Amino acid sequence: MKTGDVYETKAHGALEVVEYRGAFDVSVRFIDTGYEVVTNAGNIRQGCIKDKLVRTVYGVGYFGVGEHKSTKNKRPNYAYKAWQAMLQRCYDPKYHQIRPTYSDCSVCDEWHNFQTFAEWYESNYPQDGGKYQLDKDIKIKGNRKYSPRACTFVTLAKNTAEAGQKTYRLTTPNGDEINICNMAKFCKGNDLNASHMIHVASGKRKSHKGWTAANKTGATK
């Protein structure tokens, strides 16, 4: 093994040997991301080195380099579970089939890195012993992107109450204006696409099966 040699890993692409100082002291760099780590020759040959910058979580999330761990006592820690669930809501097509109202949501670029999200999570999660959920649209009404500026932690009761207050005002194909309080349930019962209807209400789409926006504000809370 020598400097410049390239090896394939089992799941994280190819890496290059940057410097070989001995069998148990080898610096390598992943070709796709540039992530560097010191390891041993045996791990390199077995292809079991992991790239902490590769986007393995729903195609966008990566673990990052830092002190935050994904597990605690062999179980996913709360920060990691919240991060993974947030990415799932925004980027998992299977989840959108169940909860289509999340199909146009996104996560800010900096939170694609678990280490950055975990740092914010640990600094902002209430320390009163209660249980809280991550919320993206109580601070900024109608917000569709998870970010440090928009997000906060709320109790389940408050989150449920806020969600129940969300209303979409649209115009029916017959020209009548109505308020829709539970978009997913309404669309399921009326053969409509909830994601398309939300886009209509917010002005991102002109119409859906004859339905149009009744006003410019769309969804409100």
Protein backbone atom coordinates (compact mmCIF):
# COMPACT_ATOMS: atom_id res chain seq x y z
CA MET A 1 0.00 0.00 0.00
CA LYS A 2 1.35 3.41 -0.97
CA THR A 3 0.36 7.06 -1.45
CA GLY A 4 -1.98 7.46 -4.42
CA ASP A 5 -3.48 3.97 -4.25
CA VAL A 6 -7.28 3.95 -4.71
CA TYR A 7 -9.61 1.51 -2.95
CA GLU A 8 -13.37 0.95 -3.13
CA THR A 9 -15.43 0.87 0.05
CA LYS A 10 -18.53 -1.29 0.55
CA ALA A 11 -21.00 1.59 0.71
CA HIS A 12 -19.29 4.98 0.53
CA GLY A 13 -17.47 5.08 -2.78
CA ALA A 14 -13.78 5.19 -3.55
CA LEU A 15 -10.98 6.58 -1.40
CA GLU A 16 -7.37 7.45 -2.05
CA VAL A 17 -4.38 6.89 0.19
CA VAL A 18 -2.99 10.34 1.06
CA GLU A 19 -0.10 9.17 3.22
CA TYR A 20 1.03 5.74 4.37
CA ARG A 21 3.01 5.92 7.62
CA GLY A 22 2.51 2.33 8.69
CA ALA A 23 -0.09 -0.44 8.72
CA PHE A 24 -2.00 1.20 11.58
CA ASP A 25 -1.49 4.82 10.56
CA VAL A 26 -2.84 5.62 7.09
CA SER A 27 -4.41 8.90 5.97
CA VAL A 28 -7.09 8.55 3.30
CA ARG A 29 -9.37 10.91 1.40
CA PHE A 30 -12.77 10.04 -0.09
CA ILE A 31 -12.77 11.02 -3.74
CA ASP A 32 -16.40 12.16 -3.99
CA THR A 33 -16.60 14.38 -0.88
CA GLY A 34 -13.01 15.13 0.11
CA TYR A 35 -13.53 13.79 3.64
CA GLU A 36 -10.23 12.73 5.23
CA VAL A 37 -9.66 10.26 8.04
CA VAL A 38 -6.81 8.30 9.59
CA THR A 39 -7.34 4.54 9.70
CA ASN A 40 -5.48 1.26 9.27
CA ALA A 41 -4.60 -0.78 6.21
CA GLY A 42 -6.87 -3.67 7.18
CA ASN A 43 -9.99 -1.49 7.24
CA ILE A 44 -9.05 -0.01 3.88
CA ARG A 45 -8.63 -3.40 2.23
CA GLN A 46 -11.92 -4.64 3.73
CA GLY A 47 -13.72 -1.55 2.43
CA CYS A 48 -15.36 -0.74 5.76
CA ILE A 49 -14.32 2.93 6.09
CA LYS A 50 -17.26 5.34 6.36
CA ASP A 51 -17.48 8.76 4.74
CA LYS A 52 -19.14 11.16 7.20
CA LEU A 53 -19.92 13.61 4.41
CA VAL A 54 -21.78 11.25 2.10
CA ARG A 55 -25.55 11.93 1.92
CA THR A 56 -27.02 8.67 3.18
CA VAL A 57 -30.26 9.90 4.81
CA TYR A 58 -33.08 10.33 2.28
CA GLY A 59 -30.56 11.48 -0.32
CA VAL A 60 -29.74 14.78 1.44
CA GLY A 61 -28.67 14.19 5.04
CA TYR A 62 -25.12 13.41 6.09
CA PHE A 63 -23.61 12.71 9.51
CA GLY A 64 -20.89 15.36 9.42
CA VAL A 65 -17.75 15.76 11.49
CA GLY A 66 -18.19 16.64 15.16
CA GLU A 67 -18.82 15.44 18.69
CA HIS A 68 -22.52 14.58 18.42
CA LYS A 69 -23.39 10.88 18.29
CA SER A 70 -26.32 9.16 16.62
CA THR A 71 -26.88 6.79 19.54
CA LYS A 72 -26.96 6.84 23.31
CA ASN A 73 -26.86 3.58 25.25
CA LYS A 74 -27.15 1.77 21.89
CA ARG A 75 -30.39 3.61 21.01
CA PRO A 76 -30.87 6.59 18.65
CA ASN A 77 -30.59 9.77 20.70
CA TYR A 78 -33.37 12.36 20.61
CA ALA A 79 -31.48 14.82 18.41
CA TYR A 80 -30.76 12.17 15.79
CA LYS A 81 -34.34 10.88 15.83
CA ALA A 82 -35.68 14.42 15.38
CA TRP A 83 -33.22 15.09 12.54
CA GLN A 84 -34.04 11.85 10.75
CA ALA A 85 -37.81 12.39 11.14
CA MET A 86 -37.51 15.96 9.82
CA LEU A 87 -35.69 14.77 6.69
CA GLN A 88 -38.20 11.98 6.20
CA ARG A 89 -41.12 14.43 6.28
CA CYS A 90 -39.51 16.51 3.58
CA TYR A 91 -37.73 14.02 1.31
CA ASP A 92 -39.29 10.57 1.59
CA PRO A 93 -41.75 9.89 -1.30
CA LYS A 94 -43.34 7.03 0.64
CA TYR A 95 -44.06 9.35 3.56
CA HIS A 96 -45.66 11.85 1.17
CA GLN A 97 -48.14 9.20 0.10
CA ILE A 98 -49.38 9.14 3.69
CA ARG A 99 -48.87 12.83 4.52
CA PRO A 100 -49.01 14.72 1.20
CA THR A 101 -49.10 18.10 2.94
CA TYR A 102 -45.34 17.75 3.48
CA SER A 103 -44.49 17.20 -0.19
CA ASP A 104 -43.44 20.84 -0.73
CA CYS A 105 -41.52 21.19 2.54
CA SER A 106 -37.73 21.38 2.73
CA VAL A 107 -34.82 21.64 5.15
CA CYS A 108 -32.23 24.42 5.01
CA ASP A 109 -28.83 23.36 3.65
CA GLU A 110 -26.98 23.73 6.96
CA TRP A 111 -29.32 21.27 8.66
CA HIS A 112 -28.55 18.59 6.09
CA ASN A 113 -25.49 18.15 8.33
CA PHE A 114 -26.51 16.25 11.48
CA GLN A 115 -23.74 17.85 13.53
CA THR A 116 -25.06 21.35 12.82
CA PHE A 117 -28.66 20.37 13.58
CA ALA A 118 -27.65 18.56 16.79
CA GLU A 119 -25.76 21.62 18.02
CA TRP A 120 -28.89 23.76 17.57
CA TYR A 121 -31.09 21.05 19.07
CA GLU A 122 -29.01 20.71 22.23
CA SER A 123 -28.81 24.49 22.67
CA ASN A 124 -32.54 25.12 22.21
CA TYR A 125 -34.40 22.11 23.59
CA PRO A 126 -36.20 23.13 26.84
CA GLN A 127 -34.55 21.75 29.97
CA ASP A 128 -37.66 21.58 32.18
CA GLY A 129 -38.10 17.83 31.89
CA GLY A 130 -41.06 18.07 29.51
CA LYS A 131 -41.46 16.46 26.10
CA TYR A 132 -41.41 18.74 23.06
CA GLN A 133 -41.78 18.48 19.30
CA LEU A 134 -39.91 20.35 16.58
CA ASP A 135 -42.20 22.85 14.83
CA LYS A 136 -41.52 24.88 11.69
CA ASP A 137 -44.56 27.15 11.27
CA ILE A 138 -45.67 28.54 14.63
CA LYS A 139 -43.04 31.30 14.65
CA ILE A 140 -43.53 32.01 10.94
CA LYS A 141 -47.08 31.34 9.80
CA GLY A 142 -47.31 29.22 6.65
CA ASN A 143 -43.56 28.51 6.61
CA ARG A 144 -42.53 25.42 4.61
CA LYS A 145 -38.79 25.23 5.37
CA TYR A 146 -37.12 23.89 8.51
CA SER A 147 -34.35 26.24 9.65
CA PRO A 148 -32.91 27.79 12.85
CA ARG A 149 -34.78 31.01 12.11
CA ALA A 150 -38.17 29.36 11.75
CA CYS A 151 -38.12 26.41 14.11
CA THR A 152 -38.96 26.12 17.78
CA PHE A 153 -39.94 23.42 20.26
CA VAL A 154 -43.56 23.07 21.36
CA THR A 155 -45.55 20.62 23.45
CA LEU A 156 -47.65 18.00 21.71
CA ALA A 157 -50.82 19.71 22.97
CA LYS A 158 -49.85 23.07 21.52
CA ASN A 159 -48.70 21.56 18.24
CA THR A 160 -51.97 19.67 17.86
CA ALA A 161 -54.00 22.78 18.68
CA GLU A 162 -52.04 24.87 16.17
CA ALA A 163 -52.42 22.22 13.45
CA GLY A 164 -56.15 22.18 14.03
CA GLN A 165 -56.32 25.91 13.36
CA LYS A 166 -54.75 25.71 9.90
CA THR A 167 -57.30 26.68 7.27
CA TYR A 168 -57.15 26.84 3.47
CA ARG A 169 -59.62 29.03 1.62
CA LEU A 170 -60.32 27.97 -1.97
CA THR A 171 -62.87 28.40 -4.71
CA THR A 172 -64.78 25.31 -5.83
CA PRO A 173 -65.27 24.42 -9.51
CA ASN A 174 -68.78 25.88 -9.12
CA GLY A 175 -67.42 29.25 -8.00
CA ASP A 176 -68.20 28.98 -4.28
CA GLU A 177 -65.57 29.95 -1.71
CA ILE A 178 -65.05 27.50 1.15
CA ASN A 179 -62.66 26.97 4.06
CA ILE A 180 -60.87 23.62 4.33
CA CYS A 181 -59.61 22.83 7.83
CA ASN A 182 -58.09 19.39 7.27
CA MET A 183 -56.67 19.32 3.75
CA ALA A 184 -55.51 15.68 3.75
CA LYS A 185 -58.86 14.37 4.99
CA PHE A 186 -60.84 16.63 2.65
CA CYS A 187 -58.86 15.59 -0.42
CA LYS A 188 -59.04 11.89 0.43
CA GLY A 189 -62.82 12.13 0.55
CA ASN A 190 -63.12 14.16 -2.65
CA ASP A 191 -60.63 12.43 -4.98
CA LEU A 192 -58.19 15.36 -4.90
CA ASN A 193 -54.42 15.58 -4.57
CA ALA A 194 -53.64 17.29 -1.25
CA SER A 195 -50.22 18.51 -2.38
CA HIS A 196 -51.69 20.09 -5.53
CA MET A 197 -54.47 21.72 -3.52
CA ILE A 198 -51.99 23.24 -1.07
CA HIS A 199 -49.98 24.59 -4.00
CA VAL A 200 -53.17 26.13 -5.39
CA ALA A 201 -53.96 27.76 -2.05
CA SER A 202 -50.43 29.18 -1.75
CA GLY A 203 -50.36 30.43 -5.34
CA LYS A 204 -47.72 27.98 -6.54
CA ARG A 205 -50.24 26.29 -8.83
CA LYS A 206 -53.03 27.93 -10.86
CA SER A 207 -55.68 25.24 -10.38
CA HIS A 208 -56.39 21.60 -9.64
CA LYS A 209 -59.44 19.86 -11.08
CA GLY A 210 -61.24 23.17 -11.32
CA TRP A 211 -60.32 24.35 -7.81
CA THR A 212 -58.58 27.75 -7.53
CA ALA A 213 -57.29 29.99 -4.75
CA ALA A 214 -59.90 32.24 -3.14
CA ASN A 215 -57.31 34.77 -1.96
CA LYS A 216 -53.59 35.51 -2.15
CA THR A 217 -52.70 34.46 1.39
CA GLY A 218 -53.49 30.75 0.97
CA ALA A 219 -52.94 28.78 4.15
CA THR A 220 -53.14 30.56 7.46
CA LYS A 221 -52.88 29.66 11.09
